[in-house]
Amino acid sequence: MITVTNLMKSYPSGEGEVRALRGIDLTVETGEFVCIMGQSGSGKSTLLTILGGMCRPSDGSVTIDGTALYGLDDDGLADFRARTFGFVFQSFHLVPYLTALENVMLPLAPLRLTAPEKRSMASEALARVGLAGKEARLPSRLSGGEQERVAIARAVVNRPTILFADEPTGNLDSATSDQVMALFAELHQAGQTIVMVTHNPDNGRYAQRTIRLKDGLAIS
């Protein structure tokens, strides 16, 4: 599903250049749940943004299901990203004045579907994450764990090929974190390919495989 070859990323800095990634090689199989771990500054979030088509690398290649990701122009990349990927972040990024259902419907806006079809898909996604019956609630009327579930429903509503998660439980207490990670495990059991960045070793136990980064290199 994902093949990464000699991936490098450098950023200019006041003292010259920061090498965030220094030649990453990795693969992720279809249906696999992979965890990327490492200390702060190891390059794990940079790697995730490149895999997700949000940041062009300095060198190397990323192939997603046979498509050379950064061989696409900006418009093609944006379209591929919208059709292929779902994203869950540490900050929920919910629109406060939209209901849970309306927040989940947002990724469906550019699709040629009727409004009832979009509402049905969003309702199904909310039910999938255990929020059936809470479609009309605003984010302020949901707990932190429920808000994260809305964010996950929004990420999977368009049935993405790959789900990317960046510290998805970073703002949650341990009990709620366990509930959210159990949901990721359920999505994986249903066949979802998941790539998750985390610094939390408890989260890593839910994945099939862990890739550890140190100083921009994969060490395991």
N, C-alpha and C. Protein backbone atom coordinates (compact mmCIF):
# COMPACT_ATOMS: atom_id res chain seq x y z
N MET A 1 0.82 -1.20 0.00
CA MET A 1 0.00 0.00 0.00
C MET A 1 0.86 1.27 0.00
N ILE A 2 1.89 1.30 0.88
CA ILE A 2 2.80 2.44 0.95
C ILE A 2 4.23 1.94 0.80
N THR A 3 4.97 2.57 -0.12
CA THR A 3 6.40 2.29 -0.26
C THR A 3 7.15 3.60 -0.21
N VAL A 4 8.09 3.70 0.71
CA VAL A 4 8.91 4.91 0.89
C VAL A 4 10.35 4.53 0.62
N THR A 5 11.01 5.32 -0.23
CA THR A 5 12.39 5.02 -0.61
C THR A 5 13.27 6.25 -0.42
N ASN A 6 14.29 6.12 0.42
CA ASN A 6 15.32 7.14 0.62
C ASN A 6 14.71 8.53 0.85
N LEU A 7 13.73 8.60 1.72
CA LEU A 7 13.00 9.85 1.93
C LEU A 7 13.82 10.81 2.79
N MET A 8 13.95 12.03 2.29
CA MET A 8 14.70 13.07 2.99
C MET A 8 13.88 14.35 3.03
N LYS A 9 14.04 15.07 4.14
CA LYS A 9 13.39 16.38 4.27
C LYS A 9 14.30 17.30 5.07
N SER A 10 14.61 18.45 4.48
CA SER A 10 15.43 19.45 5.15
C SER A 10 14.68 20.78 5.18
N TYR A 11 14.92 21.53 6.24
CA TYR A 11 14.32 22.85 6.39
C TYR A 11 15.44 23.88 6.60
N PRO A 12 15.29 25.07 6.00
CA PRO A 12 16.27 26.12 6.29
C PRO A 12 16.10 26.62 7.72
N SER A 13 17.18 27.00 8.34
CA SER A 13 17.14 27.56 9.68
C SER A 13 18.15 28.69 9.76
N GLY A 14 18.12 29.40 10.88
CA GLY A 14 19.04 30.52 11.03
C GLY A 14 20.49 30.09 11.05
N GLU A 15 20.73 28.82 11.35
CA GLU A 15 22.10 28.32 11.42
C GLU A 15 22.45 27.43 10.23
N GLY A 16 21.65 27.51 9.17
CA GLY A 16 21.94 26.72 7.98
C GLY A 16 20.79 25.85 7.54
N GLU A 17 20.78 24.58 7.96
CA GLU A 17 19.77 23.64 7.49
C GLU A 17 19.51 22.59 8.55
N VAL A 18 18.22 22.28 8.76
CA VAL A 18 17.83 21.21 9.66
C VAL A 18 17.40 20.01 8.83
N ARG A 19 18.01 18.87 9.06
CA ARG A 19 17.66 17.65 8.33
C ARG A 19 16.69 16.84 9.19
N ALA A 20 15.40 16.99 8.90
CA ALA A 20 14.37 16.31 9.70
C ALA A 20 14.30 14.82 9.39
N LEU A 21 14.45 14.46 8.11
CA LEU A 21 14.49 13.06 7.69
C LEU A 21 15.76 12.84 6.89
N ARG A 22 16.44 11.72 7.15
CA ARG A 22 17.77 11.53 6.57
C ARG A 22 17.91 10.23 5.80
N GLY A 23 16.85 9.86 5.09
CA GLY A 23 16.92 8.65 4.27
C GLY A 23 16.09 7.52 4.82
N ILE A 24 14.76 7.71 4.80
CA ILE A 24 13.84 6.72 5.36
C ILE A 24 13.40 5.74 4.28
N ASP A 25 13.47 4.46 4.58
CA ASP A 25 12.92 3.40 3.74
C ASP A 25 11.91 2.62 4.58
N LEU A 26 10.70 2.45 4.06
CA LEU A 26 9.72 1.65 4.78
C LEU A 26 8.59 1.23 3.84
N THR A 27 7.84 0.22 4.26
CA THR A 27 6.65 -0.22 3.54
C THR A 27 5.53 -0.43 4.55
N VAL A 28 4.31 -0.23 4.08
CA VAL A 28 3.11 -0.54 4.85
C VAL A 28 2.20 -1.36 3.96
N GLU A 29 1.78 -2.52 4.44
CA GLU A 29 0.93 -3.39 3.65
C GLU A 29 -0.54 -2.99 3.76
N THR A 30 -1.33 -3.38 2.78
CA THR A 30 -2.76 -3.14 2.81
C THR A 30 -3.38 -3.79 4.05
N GLY A 31 -4.17 -3.01 4.79
CA GLY A 31 -4.83 -3.53 5.98
C GLY A 31 -3.97 -3.57 7.22
N GLU A 32 -2.76 -3.05 7.15
CA GLU A 32 -1.85 -3.09 8.30
C GLU A 32 -2.10 -1.89 9.22
N PHE A 33 -1.84 -2.06 10.50
CA PHE A 33 -1.90 -1.00 11.49
C PHE A 33 -0.47 -0.78 11.97
N VAL A 34 0.11 0.35 11.57
CA VAL A 34 1.51 0.63 11.86
C VAL A 34 1.59 1.85 12.77
N CYS A 35 2.42 1.75 13.79
CA CYS A 35 2.66 2.84 14.72
C CYS A 35 4.07 3.39 14.48
N ILE A 36 4.18 4.71 14.39
CA ILE A 36 5.47 5.38 14.25
C ILE A 36 5.77 6.08 15.57
N MET A 37 6.87 5.71 16.20
CA MET A 37 7.21 6.25 17.51
C MET A 37 8.60 6.88 17.48
N GLY A 38 8.82 7.78 18.42
CA GLY A 38 10.11 8.43 18.55
C GLY A 38 9.99 9.63 19.46
N GLN A 39 11.11 10.08 19.97
CA GLN A 39 11.11 11.25 20.83
C GLN A 39 10.77 12.50 20.04
N SER A 40 10.45 13.57 20.75
CA SER A 40 10.21 14.85 20.10
C SER A 40 11.42 15.24 19.26
N GLY A 41 11.17 15.64 18.01
CA GLY A 41 12.26 16.02 17.12
C GLY A 41 12.85 14.87 16.33
N SER A 42 12.29 13.67 16.48
CA SER A 42 12.84 12.51 15.77
C SER A 42 12.43 12.49 14.30
N GLY A 43 11.40 13.28 13.92
CA GLY A 43 10.96 13.32 12.53
C GLY A 43 9.66 12.62 12.27
N LYS A 44 9.00 12.11 13.31
CA LYS A 44 7.81 11.29 13.08
C LYS A 44 6.64 12.08 12.50
N SER A 45 6.39 13.30 12.98
CA SER A 45 5.29 14.09 12.43
C SER A 45 5.62 14.58 11.02
N THR A 46 6.89 14.90 10.78
CA THR A 46 7.31 15.27 9.42
C THR A 46 7.07 14.12 8.46
N LEU A 47 7.41 12.91 8.89
CA LEU A 47 7.17 11.74 8.05
C LEU A 47 5.69 11.57 7.75
N LEU A 48 4.84 11.75 8.76
CA LEU A 48 3.41 11.56 8.55
C LEU A 48 2.85 12.60 7.57
N THR A 49 3.29 13.85 7.68
CA THR A 49 2.77 14.87 6.76
C THR A 49 3.20 14.59 5.33
N ILE A 50 4.39 14.02 5.15
CA ILE A 50 4.84 13.67 3.80
C ILE A 50 4.05 12.48 3.27
N LEU A 51 3.85 11.46 4.10
CA LEU A 51 3.06 10.30 3.68
C LEU A 51 1.64 10.72 3.32
N GLY A 52 1.11 11.73 4.04
CA GLY A 52 -0.25 12.19 3.80
C GLY A 52 -0.39 13.21 2.69
N GLY A 53 0.69 13.47 1.96
CA GLY A 53 0.60 14.36 0.81
C GLY A 53 0.50 15.83 1.17
N MET A 54 0.93 16.19 2.38
CA MET A 54 0.80 17.58 2.82
C MET A 54 2.11 18.35 2.79
N CYS A 55 3.20 17.69 2.47
CA CYS A 55 4.51 18.35 2.49
C CYS A 55 5.44 17.60 1.54
N ARG A 56 5.93 18.28 0.52
CA ARG A 56 6.80 17.62 -0.44
C ARG A 56 8.17 17.36 0.16
N PRO A 57 8.72 16.17 -0.07
CA PRO A 57 10.05 15.86 0.49
C PRO A 57 11.15 16.58 -0.28
N SER A 58 12.32 16.66 0.34
CA SER A 58 13.48 17.22 -0.33
C SER A 58 14.06 16.24 -1.34
N ASP A 59 13.92 14.96 -1.04
CA ASP A 59 14.42 13.91 -1.93
C ASP A 59 13.73 12.61 -1.56
N GLY A 60 13.83 11.62 -2.45
CA GLY A 60 13.21 10.33 -2.22
C GLY A 60 11.82 10.26 -2.81
N SER A 61 11.16 9.12 -2.62
CA SER A 61 9.86 8.90 -3.24
C SER A 61 8.89 8.25 -2.26
N VAL A 62 7.59 8.54 -2.50
CA VAL A 62 6.49 7.93 -1.77
C VAL A 62 5.51 7.39 -2.80
N THR A 63 5.25 6.09 -2.76
CA THR A 63 4.30 5.47 -3.66
C THR A 63 3.13 4.93 -2.85
N ILE A 64 1.93 5.35 -3.23
CA ILE A 64 0.71 4.94 -2.54
C ILE A 64 -0.14 4.12 -3.49
N ASP A 65 -0.26 2.84 -3.22
CA ASP A 65 -1.10 1.96 -4.04
C ASP A 65 -0.79 2.11 -5.53
N GLY A 66 0.51 2.19 -5.85
CA GLY A 66 0.95 2.27 -7.24
C GLY A 66 1.08 3.66 -7.80
N THR A 67 0.68 4.69 -7.05
CA THR A 67 0.76 6.07 -7.52
C THR A 67 1.96 6.77 -6.89
N ALA A 68 2.82 7.36 -7.72
CA ALA A 68 3.94 8.15 -7.21
C ALA A 68 3.37 9.46 -6.69
N LEU A 69 3.28 9.58 -5.37
CA LEU A 69 2.54 10.68 -4.76
C LEU A 69 3.06 12.04 -5.19
N TYR A 70 4.36 12.21 -5.16
CA TYR A 70 4.91 13.53 -5.46
C TYR A 70 5.33 13.67 -6.92
N GLY A 71 4.86 12.74 -7.75
CA GLY A 71 4.90 12.93 -9.19
C GLY A 71 3.68 13.69 -9.67
N LEU A 72 2.71 13.88 -8.78
CA LEU A 72 1.48 14.61 -9.10
C LEU A 72 1.71 16.11 -8.95
N ASP A 73 1.00 16.92 -9.78
CA ASP A 73 1.05 18.36 -9.57
C ASP A 73 0.19 18.71 -8.37
N ASP A 74 0.16 19.98 -7.99
CA ASP A 74 -0.52 20.37 -6.76
C ASP A 74 -2.01 20.03 -6.79
N ASP A 75 -2.66 20.27 -7.93
CA ASP A 75 -4.09 19.96 -8.03
C ASP A 75 -4.33 18.46 -7.96
N GLY A 76 -3.50 17.70 -8.68
CA GLY A 76 -3.63 16.25 -8.65
C GLY A 76 -3.36 15.68 -7.28
N LEU A 77 -2.40 16.27 -6.58
CA LEU A 77 -2.07 15.82 -5.23
C LEU A 77 -3.23 16.09 -4.27
N ALA A 78 -3.84 17.29 -4.38
CA ALA A 78 -4.97 17.63 -3.52
C ALA A 78 -6.15 16.69 -3.77
N ASP A 79 -6.39 16.37 -5.04
CA ASP A 79 -7.50 15.47 -5.37
C ASP A 79 -7.22 14.06 -4.86
N PHE A 80 -6.00 13.59 -5.05
CA PHE A 80 -5.64 12.24 -4.58
C PHE A 80 -5.76 12.16 -3.07
N ARG A 81 -5.29 13.20 -2.39
CA ARG A 81 -5.36 13.24 -0.92
C ARG A 81 -6.80 13.18 -0.45
N ALA A 82 -7.67 13.94 -1.09
CA ALA A 82 -9.08 13.98 -0.68
C ALA A 82 -9.78 12.64 -0.91
N ARG A 83 -9.38 11.93 -1.98
CA ARG A 83 -10.04 10.67 -2.32
C ARG A 83 -9.49 9.48 -1.55
N THR A 84 -8.24 9.58 -1.10
CA THR A 84 -7.53 8.39 -0.63
C THR A 84 -7.26 8.37 0.87
N PHE A 85 -7.11 9.55 1.48
CA PHE A 85 -6.66 9.64 2.86
C PHE A 85 -7.73 10.17 3.80
N GLY A 86 -7.67 9.72 5.05
CA GLY A 86 -8.40 10.33 6.15
C GLY A 86 -7.39 10.73 7.21
N PHE A 87 -7.67 11.84 7.91
CA PHE A 87 -6.71 12.37 8.88
C PHE A 87 -7.38 12.61 10.22
N VAL A 88 -6.69 12.19 11.29
CA VAL A 88 -7.12 12.47 12.66
C VAL A 88 -5.93 13.11 13.37
N PHE A 89 -6.18 14.26 14.00
CA PHE A 89 -5.10 15.01 14.65
C PHE A 89 -5.33 15.11 16.15
N GLN A 90 -4.27 15.53 16.86
CA GLN A 90 -4.36 15.70 18.30
C GLN A 90 -5.42 16.73 18.66
N SER A 91 -5.44 17.85 17.95
CA SER A 91 -6.52 18.83 18.12
C SER A 91 -7.67 18.41 17.22
N PHE A 92 -8.86 18.40 17.75
CA PHE A 92 -9.99 17.80 17.04
C PHE A 92 -10.35 18.57 15.77
N HIS A 93 -10.12 19.90 15.76
CA HIS A 93 -10.43 20.73 14.60
C HIS A 93 -11.91 20.63 14.19
N LEU A 94 -12.78 20.55 15.17
CA LEU A 94 -14.21 20.57 14.87
C LEU A 94 -14.68 22.01 14.75
N VAL A 95 -15.62 22.25 13.85
CA VAL A 95 -16.19 23.59 13.70
C VAL A 95 -17.22 23.78 14.81
N PRO A 96 -17.02 24.74 15.71
CA PRO A 96 -17.85 24.81 16.92
C PRO A 96 -19.32 25.08 16.69
N TYR A 97 -19.66 25.76 15.60
CA TYR A 97 -21.06 26.11 15.36
C TYR A 97 -21.78 25.09 14.46
N LEU A 98 -21.10 24.00 14.11
CA LEU A 98 -21.72 22.93 13.34
C LEU A 98 -22.00 21.75 14.26
N THR A 99 -23.09 21.05 13.99
CA THR A 99 -23.41 19.85 14.76
C THR A 99 -22.42 18.73 14.44
N ALA A 100 -22.49 17.68 15.23
CA ALA A 100 -21.63 16.52 14.96
C ALA A 100 -21.85 16.00 13.54
N LEU A 101 -23.10 15.89 13.14
CA LEU A 101 -23.41 15.41 11.79
C LEU A 101 -22.83 16.33 10.73
N GLU A 102 -22.99 17.63 10.92
CA GLU A 102 -22.50 18.60 9.93
C GLU A 102 -20.98 18.59 9.87
N ASN A 103 -20.32 18.41 11.01
CA ASN A 103 -18.86 18.31 11.00
C ASN A 103 -18.40 17.10 10.21
N VAL A 104 -19.09 15.99 10.39
CA VAL A 104 -18.70 14.77 9.68
C VAL A 104 -18.98 14.88 8.18
N MET A 105 -19.96 15.67 7.81
CA MET A 105 -20.30 15.83 6.40
C MET A 105 -19.30 16.68 5.63
N LEU A 106 -18.45 17.43 6.31
CA LEU A 106 -17.56 18.38 5.64
C LEU A 106 -16.71 17.76 4.52
N PRO A 107 -16.08 16.59 4.72
CA PRO A 107 -15.27 16.04 3.63
C PRO A 107 -16.09 15.62 2.41
N LEU A 108 -17.40 15.52 2.57
CA LEU A 108 -18.25 15.10 1.46
C LEU A 108 -18.69 16.26 0.58
N ALA A 109 -18.38 17.49 1.00
CA ALA A 109 -18.86 18.68 0.29
C ALA A 109 -18.52 18.68 -1.20
N PRO A 110 -17.28 18.31 -1.60
CA PRO A 110 -16.97 18.36 -3.03
C PRO A 110 -17.50 17.18 -3.85
N LEU A 111 -18.07 16.18 -3.18
CA LEU A 111 -18.50 14.99 -3.89
C LEU A 111 -19.87 15.21 -4.54
N ARG A 112 -20.09 14.57 -5.66
CA ARG A 112 -21.36 14.70 -6.38
C ARG A 112 -22.38 13.73 -5.81
N LEU A 113 -22.86 14.08 -4.62
CA LEU A 113 -23.87 13.29 -3.93
C LEU A 113 -25.00 14.21 -3.52
N THR A 114 -26.19 13.65 -3.36
CA THR A 114 -27.30 14.45 -2.89
C THR A 114 -27.14 14.72 -1.39
N ALA A 115 -27.82 15.73 -0.90
CA ALA A 115 -27.76 16.05 0.53
C ALA A 115 -28.22 14.87 1.38
N PRO A 116 -29.31 14.18 1.02
CA PRO A 116 -29.71 13.01 1.82
C PRO A 116 -28.64 11.91 1.83
N GLU A 117 -27.96 11.72 0.70
CA GLU A 117 -26.89 10.71 0.64
C GLU A 117 -25.74 11.09 1.58
N LYS A 118 -25.39 12.37 1.60
CA LYS A 118 -24.31 12.82 2.48
C LYS A 118 -24.70 12.67 3.94
N ARG A 119 -25.94 13.03 4.27
CA ARG A 119 -26.40 12.89 5.66
C ARG A 119 -26.40 11.42 6.08
N SER A 120 -26.79 10.54 5.16
CA SER A 120 -26.82 9.12 5.46
C SER A 120 -25.41 8.58 5.72
N MET A 121 -24.45 8.98 4.89
CA MET A 121 -23.07 8.53 5.08
C MET A 121 -22.50 9.05 6.40
N ALA A 122 -22.82 10.31 6.74
CA ALA A 122 -22.33 10.88 7.98
C ALA A 122 -22.96 10.19 9.19
N SER A 123 -24.25 9.91 9.11
CA SER A 123 -24.92 9.21 10.20
C SER A 123 -24.33 7.82 10.40
N GLU A 124 -24.05 7.14 9.30
CA GLU A 124 -23.45 5.81 9.37
C GLU A 124 -22.07 5.87 10.01
N ALA A 125 -21.28 6.90 9.66
CA ALA A 125 -19.94 7.05 10.24
C ALA A 125 -20.02 7.32 11.74
N LEU A 126 -20.97 8.15 12.16
CA LEU A 126 -21.14 8.43 13.58
C LEU A 126 -21.58 7.18 14.34
N ALA A 127 -22.47 6.42 13.75
CA ALA A 127 -22.89 5.17 14.38
C ALA A 127 -21.72 4.21 14.51
N ARG A 128 -20.84 4.21 13.52
CA ARG A 128 -19.69 3.32 13.52
C ARG A 128 -18.75 3.61 14.69
N VAL A 129 -18.70 4.88 15.12
CA VAL A 129 -17.82 5.24 16.24
C VAL A 129 -18.59 5.36 17.55
N GLY A 130 -19.83 4.87 17.57
CA GLY A 130 -20.59 4.80 18.81
C GLY A 130 -21.31 6.07 19.21
N LEU A 131 -21.62 6.93 18.23
CA LEU A 131 -22.28 8.19 18.53
C LEU A 131 -23.67 8.30 17.89
N ALA A 132 -24.29 7.19 17.60
CA ALA A 132 -25.66 7.23 17.09
C ALA A 132 -26.55 7.93 18.11
N GLY A 133 -27.39 8.83 17.66
CA GLY A 133 -28.27 9.57 18.54
C GLY A 133 -27.72 10.91 18.99
N LYS A 134 -26.44 11.19 18.65
CA LYS A 134 -25.84 12.46 19.05
C LYS A 134 -25.50 13.33 17.84
N GLU A 135 -26.17 13.05 16.73
CA GLU A 135 -25.89 13.76 15.49
C GLU A 135 -26.12 15.27 15.61
N ALA A 136 -27.11 15.69 16.40
CA ALA A 136 -27.50 17.10 16.45
C ALA A 136 -26.73 17.90 17.50
N ARG A 137 -25.84 17.27 18.23
CA ARG A 137 -25.13 17.98 19.29
C ARG A 137 -23.98 18.81 18.73
N LEU A 138 -23.81 20.00 19.30
CA LEU A 138 -22.66 20.83 18.99
C LEU A 138 -21.44 20.28 19.74
N PRO A 139 -20.23 20.57 19.26
CA PRO A 139 -19.04 20.07 19.94
C PRO A 139 -18.99 20.45 21.43
N SER A 140 -19.50 21.63 21.78
CA SER A 140 -19.47 22.06 23.19
C SER A 140 -20.31 21.18 24.10
N ARG A 141 -21.22 20.41 23.51
CA ARG A 141 -22.07 19.52 24.30
C ARG A 141 -21.58 18.07 24.26
N LEU A 142 -20.36 17.89 23.80
CA LEU A 142 -19.75 16.56 23.74
C LEU A 142 -18.51 16.53 24.63
N SER A 143 -18.23 15.38 25.21
CA SER A 143 -17.00 15.21 25.99
C SER A 143 -15.80 15.20 25.05
N GLY A 144 -14.60 15.27 25.65
CA GLY A 144 -13.39 15.23 24.83
C GLY A 144 -13.29 13.95 24.02
N GLY A 145 -13.63 12.83 24.65
CA GLY A 145 -13.60 11.56 23.93
C GLY A 145 -14.61 11.51 22.81
N GLU A 146 -15.79 12.10 23.05
CA GLU A 146 -16.82 12.12 22.00
C GLU A 146 -16.39 13.03 20.86
N GLN A 147 -15.75 14.15 21.19
CA GLN A 147 -15.26 15.03 20.12
C GLN A 147 -14.22 14.31 19.26
N GLU A 148 -13.35 13.54 19.90
CA GLU A 148 -12.37 12.77 19.13
C GLU A 148 -13.06 11.73 18.26
N ARG A 149 -14.13 11.14 18.74
CA ARG A 149 -14.88 10.18 17.93
C ARG A 149 -15.53 10.86 16.72
N VAL A 150 -16.02 12.08 16.91
CA VAL A 150 -16.55 12.83 15.77
C VAL A 150 -15.43 13.06 14.75
N ALA A 151 -14.24 13.43 15.23
CA ALA A 151 -13.11 13.65 14.34
C ALA A 151 -12.74 12.38 13.58
N ILE A 152 -12.83 11.23 14.25
CA ILE A 152 -12.54 9.96 13.58
C ILE A 152 -13.63 9.65 12.55
N ALA A 153 -14.89 9.88 12.92
CA ALA A 153 -15.99 9.67 11.97
C ALA A 153 -15.81 10.53 10.74
N ARG A 154 -15.41 11.78 10.94
CA ARG A 154 -15.17 12.68 9.80
C ARG A 154 -14.03 12.15 8.93
N ALA A 155 -13.02 11.55 9.56
CA ALA A 155 -11.87 11.03 8.81
C ALA A 155 -12.21 9.81 7.98
N VAL A 156 -13.21 9.02 8.42
CA VAL A 156 -13.51 7.77 7.71
C VAL A 156 -14.80 7.84 6.90
N VAL A 157 -15.49 9.00 6.91
CA VAL A 157 -16.79 9.08 6.25
C VAL A 157 -16.70 8.83 4.75
N ASN A 158 -15.58 9.21 4.14
CA ASN A 158 -15.43 9.00 2.69
C ASN A 158 -14.74 7.68 2.38
N ARG A 159 -14.69 6.80 3.38
CA ARG A 159 -14.10 5.45 3.25
C ARG A 159 -12.68 5.51 2.66
N PRO A 160 -11.77 6.17 3.37
CA PRO A 160 -10.41 6.35 2.84
C PRO A 160 -9.64 5.04 2.74
N THR A 161 -8.73 5.00 1.81
CA THR A 161 -7.85 3.84 1.68
C THR A 161 -6.92 3.74 2.88
N ILE A 162 -6.43 4.91 3.34
CA ILE A 162 -5.48 4.95 4.46
C ILE A 162 -5.95 5.99 5.46
N LEU A 163 -5.91 5.63 6.73
CA LEU A 163 -6.23 6.55 7.82
C LEU A 163 -4.92 6.92 8.52
N PHE A 164 -4.61 8.23 8.53
CA PHE A 164 -3.44 8.74 9.22
C PHE A 164 -3.88 9.39 10.53
N ALA A 165 -3.16 9.11 11.60
CA ALA A 165 -3.48 9.69 12.90
C ALA A 165 -2.21 10.23 13.55
N ASP A 166 -2.26 11.48 13.96
CA ASP A 166 -1.11 12.13 14.59
C ASP A 166 -1.44 12.44 16.04
N GLU A 167 -0.88 11.67 16.96
CA GLU A 167 -1.12 11.81 18.40
C GLU A 167 -2.62 11.91 18.70
N PRO A 168 -3.42 10.94 18.28
CA PRO A 168 -4.88 11.07 18.37
C PRO A 168 -5.43 11.12 19.78
N THR A 169 -4.63 10.70 20.78
CA THR A 169 -5.11 10.73 22.17
C THR A 169 -4.33 11.73 23.02
N GLY A 170 -3.60 12.62 22.37
CA GLY A 170 -2.72 13.54 23.10
C GLY A 170 -3.43 14.45 24.07
N ASN A 171 -4.71 14.76 23.81
CA ASN A 171 -5.47 15.66 24.69
C ASN A 171 -6.47 14.93 25.57
N LEU A 172 -6.35 13.61 25.68
CA LEU A 172 -7.35 12.82 26.40
C LEU A 172 -6.74 12.17 27.64
N ASP A 173 -7.60 11.91 28.64
CA ASP A 173 -7.13 11.18 29.81
C ASP A 173 -6.94 9.71 29.45
N SER A 174 -6.32 8.95 30.35
CA SER A 174 -5.92 7.58 30.02
C SER A 174 -7.12 6.68 29.73
N ALA A 175 -8.20 6.82 30.50
CA ALA A 175 -9.36 5.97 30.27
C ALA A 175 -9.99 6.25 28.91
N THR A 176 -10.13 7.53 28.59
CA THR A 176 -10.72 7.91 27.29
C THR A 176 -9.78 7.52 26.15
N SER A 177 -8.47 7.64 26.39
CA SER A 177 -7.49 7.22 25.39
C SER A 177 -7.66 5.76 25.04
N ASP A 178 -7.85 4.94 26.06
CA ASP A 178 -8.04 3.50 25.82
C ASP A 178 -9.28 3.24 24.97
N GLN A 179 -10.35 4.00 25.22
CA GLN A 179 -11.58 3.83 24.44
C GLN A 179 -11.36 4.20 22.99
N VAL A 180 -10.63 5.31 22.77
CA VAL A 180 -10.37 5.75 21.40
C VAL A 180 -9.46 4.75 20.69
N MET A 181 -8.45 4.25 21.39
CA MET A 181 -7.55 3.28 20.76
C MET A 181 -8.28 1.97 20.46
N ALA A 182 -9.21 1.59 21.30
CA ALA A 182 -10.02 0.41 21.02
C ALA A 182 -10.82 0.60 19.74
N LEU A 183 -11.26 1.83 19.50
CA LEU A 183 -11.99 2.14 18.27
C LEU A 183 -11.07 2.00 17.06
N PHE A 184 -9.82 2.49 17.18
CA PHE A 184 -8.87 2.30 16.08
C PHE A 184 -8.66 0.81 15.81
N ALA A 185 -8.58 0.01 16.87
CA ALA A 185 -8.42 -1.43 16.70
C ALA A 185 -9.61 -2.03 15.97
N GLU A 186 -10.81 -1.55 16.27
CA GLU A 186 -12.01 -2.04 15.58
C GLU A 186 -11.96 -1.67 14.09
N LEU A 187 -11.54 -0.45 13.80
CA LEU A 187 -11.43 -0.02 12.40
C LEU A 187 -10.41 -0.89 11.67
N HIS A 188 -9.31 -1.19 12.34
CA HIS A 188 -8.30 -2.06 11.74
C HIS A 188 -8.84 -3.45 11.49
N GLN A 189 -9.57 -4.00 12.46
CA GLN A 189 -10.15 -5.33 12.29
C GLN A 189 -11.12 -5.37 11.12
N ALA A 190 -11.74 -4.23 10.81
CA ALA A 190 -12.66 -4.15 9.68
C ALA A 190 -11.94 -3.97 8.35
N GLY A 191 -10.59 -3.90 8.39
CA GLY A 191 -9.82 -3.85 7.15
C GLY A 191 -9.17 -2.52 6.85
N GLN A 192 -9.30 -1.53 7.75
CA GLN A 192 -8.74 -0.21 7.51
C GLN A 192 -7.22 -0.22 7.67
N THR A 193 -6.51 0.34 6.69
CA THR A 193 -5.07 0.57 6.82
C THR A 193 -4.87 1.82 7.66
N ILE A 194 -4.05 1.71 8.72
CA ILE A 194 -3.85 2.82 9.65
C ILE A 194 -2.36 3.06 9.87
N VAL A 195 -1.96 4.33 9.78
CA VAL A 195 -0.61 4.74 10.15
C VAL A 195 -0.76 5.80 11.23
N MET A 196 -0.23 5.51 12.40
CA MET A 196 -0.42 6.39 13.56
C MET A 196 0.92 6.82 14.14
N VAL A 197 1.05 8.12 14.38
CA VAL A 197 2.20 8.66 15.10
C VAL A 197 1.81 8.84 16.55
N THR A 198 2.66 8.38 17.47
CA THR A 198 2.39 8.57 18.90
C THR A 198 3.70 8.52 19.67
N HIS A 199 3.72 9.19 20.81
CA HIS A 199 4.86 9.05 21.73
C HIS A 199 4.48 8.14 22.89
N ASN A 200 3.22 7.69 22.91
CA ASN A 200 2.69 6.92 24.03
C ASN A 200 2.84 5.42 23.77
N PRO A 201 3.69 4.74 24.54
CA PRO A 201 3.89 3.30 24.31
C PRO A 201 2.63 2.47 24.54
N ASP A 202 1.71 2.96 25.39
CA ASP A 202 0.45 2.24 25.60
C ASP A 202 -0.37 2.19 24.31
N ASN A 203 -0.31 3.26 23.53
CA ASN A 203 -1.02 3.28 22.24
C ASN A 203 -0.38 2.32 21.25
N GLY A 204 0.94 2.22 21.33
CA GLY A 204 1.65 1.38 20.38
C GLY A 204 1.27 -0.09 20.45
N ARG A 205 0.78 -0.53 21.59
CA ARG A 205 0.44 -1.96 21.72
C ARG A 205 -0.79 -2.34 20.89
N TYR A 206 -1.55 -1.36 20.42
CA TYR A 206 -2.72 -1.65 19.60
C TYR A 206 -2.33 -1.92 18.14
N ALA A 207 -1.12 -1.51 17.75
CA ALA A 207 -0.68 -1.66 16.36
C ALA A 207 -0.07 -3.03 16.13
N GLN A 208 -0.03 -3.44 14.87
CA GLN A 208 0.64 -4.69 14.51
C GLN A 208 2.15 -4.56 14.52
N ARG A 209 2.61 -3.36 14.20
CA ARG A 209 4.06 -3.18 14.02
C ARG A 209 4.41 -1.75 14.39
N THR A 210 5.60 -1.58 14.97
CA THR A 210 6.08 -0.26 15.35
C THR A 210 7.35 0.07 14.59
N ILE A 211 7.37 1.27 14.00
CA ILE A 211 8.57 1.81 13.36
C ILE A 211 9.10 2.91 14.26
N ARG A 212 10.33 2.78 14.71
CA ARG A 212 10.91 3.76 15.62
C ARG A 212 11.87 4.67 14.86
N LEU A 213 11.72 5.97 15.09
CA LEU A 213 12.59 6.96 14.47
C LEU A 213 13.51 7.57 15.51
N LYS A 214 14.72 7.88 15.08
CA LYS A 214 15.66 8.60 15.92
C LYS A 214 16.52 9.47 15.02
N ASP A 215 16.50 10.78 15.29
CA ASP A 215 17.31 11.73 14.52
C ASP A 215 17.07 11.61 13.02
N GLY A 216 15.81 11.42 12.64
CA GLY A 216 15.46 11.39 11.22
C GLY A 216 15.74 10.08 10.51
N LEU A 217 16.06 9.03 11.27
CA LEU A 217 16.34 7.72 10.69
C LEU A 217 15.43 6.67 11.31
N ALA A 218 15.05 5.67 10.54
CA ALA A 218 14.29 4.54 11.07
C ALA A 218 15.27 3.56 11.67
N ILE A 219 15.10 3.28 12.98
CA ILE A 219 16.06 2.40 13.67
C ILE A 219 15.44 1.02 13.94
N SER A 220 14.16 0.84 13.63
CA SER A 220 13.54 -0.48 13.77
C SER A 220 12.27 -0.54 12.95
